[in-house]
Amino acid sequence: MNIAEVQVNLNQTEIRSYIDQKLEDQLKDAFFTWDIEQMSKRTCMSKSFLENEFLHDPRMKLLERRKERGKRFWFYEESKEVMKQIMDEW
């Protein structure tokens, strides 16, 4: 005896977009600053590539914070926007 038949159609692109947006919202809440380790993980780029292509750019240098000979940090939101600008210039 077949009581009901359910068929679900999912739009994979919309689901991926929704998940990406939710992750981005969570990252905004979680990150105030990030270091090169987190930057490398979040962007899927090597540290050397980040150094060569992004971190030597004067716009990123303005966002860099560190004490003398200390660990370097960048403001998350601002540096992410600068990275987008740099990538748009390629």
C-alpha atoms as a PDB file:
ATOM      1  CA  MET A   1       0.000   0.000   0.000  1.00  0.00           C
ATOM      2  CA  ASN A   2       1.604   3.257  -1.204  1.00  0.00           C
ATOM      3  CA  ILE A   3       0.239   6.157   0.849  1.00  0.00           C
ATOM      4  CA  ALA A   4       2.291   9.036  -0.549  1.00  0.00           C
ATOM      5  CA  GLU A   5       5.029   9.746  -2.996  1.00  0.00           C
ATOM      6  CA  VAL A   6       7.297  12.729  -2.334  1.00  0.00           C
ATOM      7  CA  GLN A   7       9.573  14.254  -4.933  1.00  0.00           C
ATOM      8  CA  VAL A   8      12.005  17.059  -4.084  1.00  0.00           C
ATOM      9  CA  ASN A   9      13.853  19.140  -6.669  1.00  0.00           C
ATOM     10  CA  LEU A  10      16.797  21.132  -5.365  1.00  0.00           C
ATOM     11  CA  ASN A  11      18.661  23.956  -7.046  1.00  0.00           C
ATOM     12  CA  GLN A  12      22.300  23.178  -6.209  1.00  0.00           C
ATOM     13  CA  THR A  13      23.511  26.649  -7.198  1.00  0.00           C
ATOM     14  CA  GLU A  14      21.040  28.369  -4.899  1.00  0.00           C
ATOM     15  CA  ILE A  15      21.897  26.037  -2.032  1.00  0.00           C
ATOM     16  CA  ARG A  16      25.633  26.669  -2.498  1.00  0.00           C
ATOM     17  CA  SER A  17      25.047  30.426  -2.631  1.00  0.00           C
ATOM     18  CA  TYR A  18      22.947  30.303   0.533  1.00  0.00           C
ATOM     19  CA  ILE A  19      25.574  28.260   2.399  1.00  0.00           C
ATOM     20  CA  ASP A  20      28.386  30.547   1.237  1.00  0.00           C
ATOM     21  CA  GLN A  21      26.472  33.601   2.415  1.00  0.00           C
ATOM     22  CA  LYS A  22      25.782  32.074   5.819  1.00  0.00           C
ATOM     23  CA  LEU A  23      29.445  31.122   6.211  1.00  0.00           C
ATOM     24  CA  GLU A  24      30.521  34.619   5.245  1.00  0.00           C
ATOM     25  CA  ASP A  25      28.112  36.099   7.794  1.00  0.00           C
ATOM     26  CA  GLN A  26      29.560  33.859  10.489  1.00  0.00           C
ATOM     27  CA  LEU A  27      33.128  34.803   9.545  1.00  0.00           C
ATOM     28  CA  LYS A  28      32.259  38.499   9.757  1.00  0.00           C
ATOM     29  CA  ASP A  29      31.048  37.936  13.291  1.00  0.00           C
ATOM     30  CA  ALA A  30      34.024  35.755  14.217  1.00  0.00           C
ATOM     31  CA  PHE A  31      36.921  37.708  12.715  1.00  0.00           C
ATOM     32  CA  PHE A  32      38.027  41.191  13.638  1.00  0.00           C
ATOM     33  CA  THR A  33      41.564  40.553  12.447  1.00  0.00           C
ATOM     34  CA  TRP A  34      43.356  37.679  10.764  1.00  0.00           C
ATOM     35  CA  ASP A  35      46.964  36.656  10.366  1.00  0.00           C
ATOM     36  CA  ILE A  36      48.743  35.149   7.392  1.00  0.00           C
ATOM     37  CA  GLU A  37      47.930  31.608   8.609  1.00  0.00           C
ATOM     38  CA  GLN A  38      44.178  32.273   8.634  1.00  0.00           C
ATOM     39  CA  MET A  39      44.432  34.249   5.424  1.00  0.00           C
ATOM     40  CA  SER A  40      46.115  31.299   3.743  1.00  0.00           C
ATOM     41  CA  LYS A  41      43.487  28.835   4.978  1.00  0.00           C
ATOM     42  CA  ARG A  42      40.487  31.019   4.124  1.00  0.00           C
ATOM     43  CA  THR A  43      41.698  31.994   0.646  1.00  0.00           C
ATOM     44  CA  CYS A  44      43.255  28.629  -0.311  1.00  0.00           C
ATOM     45  CA  MET A  45      46.432  30.471  -1.275  1.00  0.00           C
ATOM     46  CA  SER A  46      49.945  29.731  -0.087  1.00  0.00           C
ATOM     47  CA  LYS A  47      51.654  32.119   2.290  1.00  0.00           C
ATOM     48  CA  SER A  48      54.354  32.870  -0.270  1.00  0.00           C
ATOM     49  CA  PHE A  49      51.725  33.704  -2.910  1.00  0.00           C
ATOM     50  CA  LEU A  50      49.941  35.986  -0.445  1.00  0.00           C
ATOM     51  CA  GLU A  51      53.234  37.711   0.372  1.00  0.00           C
ATOM     52  CA  ASN A  52      54.150  38.219  -3.274  1.00  0.00           C
ATOM     53  CA  GLU A  53      50.752  39.169  -4.686  1.00  0.00           C
ATOM     54  CA  PHE A  54      48.933  40.902  -1.837  1.00  0.00           C
ATOM     55  CA  LEU A  55      50.857  41.744   1.294  1.00  0.00           C
ATOM     56  CA  HIS A  56      53.486  43.913  -0.381  1.00  0.00           C
ATOM     57  CA  ASP A  57      50.789  46.066  -1.945  1.00  0.00           C
ATOM     58  CA  PRO A  58      50.715  49.547  -0.334  1.00  0.00           C
ATOM     59  CA  ARG A  59      46.969  49.217   0.342  1.00  0.00           C
ATOM     60  CA  MET A  60      47.545  46.083   2.403  1.00  0.00           C
ATOM     61  CA  LYS A  61      50.552  47.651   4.127  1.00  0.00           C
ATOM     62  CA  LEU A  62      48.240  50.389   5.418  1.00  0.00           C
ATOM     63  CA  LEU A  63      46.059  47.757   7.089  1.00  0.00           C
ATOM     64  CA  GLU A  64      48.918  45.754   8.603  1.00  0.00           C
ATOM     65  CA  ARG A  65      49.287  45.962  12.378  1.00  0.00           C
ATOM     66  CA  ARG A  66      52.188  44.671  14.420  1.00  0.00           C
ATOM     67  CA  LYS A  67      54.383  45.538  17.322  1.00  0.00           C
ATOM     68  CA  GLU A  68      58.091  45.792  16.712  1.00  0.00           C
ATOM     69  CA  ARG A  69      59.187  42.369  15.406  1.00  0.00           C
ATOM     70  CA  GLY A  70      55.824  40.952  16.373  1.00  0.00           C
ATOM     71  CA  LYS A  71      53.206  38.913  14.595  1.00  0.00           C
ATOM     72  CA  ARG A  72      51.429  40.706  11.754  1.00  0.00           C
ATOM     73  CA  PHE A  73      47.648  41.139  11.670  1.00  0.00           C
ATOM     74  CA  TRP A  74      45.235  42.694   9.179  1.00  0.00           C
ATOM     75  CA  PHE A  75      41.715  43.931   9.730  1.00  0.00           C
ATOM     76  CA  TYR A  76      39.524  41.223   8.244  1.00  0.00           C
ATOM     77  CA  GLU A  77      36.823  43.150   6.378  1.00  0.00           C
ATOM     78  CA  GLU A  78      39.099  45.885   5.078  1.00  0.00           C
ATOM     79  CA  SER A  79      41.841  43.536   3.912  1.00  0.00           C
ATOM     80  CA  LYS A  80      39.331  41.256   2.219  1.00  0.00           C
ATOM     81  CA  GLU A  81      38.037  44.216   0.212  1.00  0.00           C
ATOM     82  CA  VAL A  82      41.565  45.279  -0.753  1.00  0.00           C
ATOM     83  CA  MET A  83      42.333  41.727  -1.854  1.00  0.00           C
ATOM     84  CA  LYS A  84      39.261  41.810  -4.104  1.00  0.00           C
ATOM     85  CA  GLN A  85      40.465  45.094  -5.606  1.00  0.00           C
ATOM     86  CA  ILE A  86      43.909  43.641  -6.267  1.00  0.00           C
ATOM     87  CA  MET A  87      42.412  40.541  -7.886  1.00  0.00           C
ATOM     88  CA  ASP A  88      40.199  42.703 -10.107  1.00  0.00           C
ATOM     89  CA  GLU A  89      43.349  44.404 -11.403  1.00  0.00           C
ATOM     90  CA  TRP A  90      44.924  41.152 -12.623  1.00  0.00           C
END
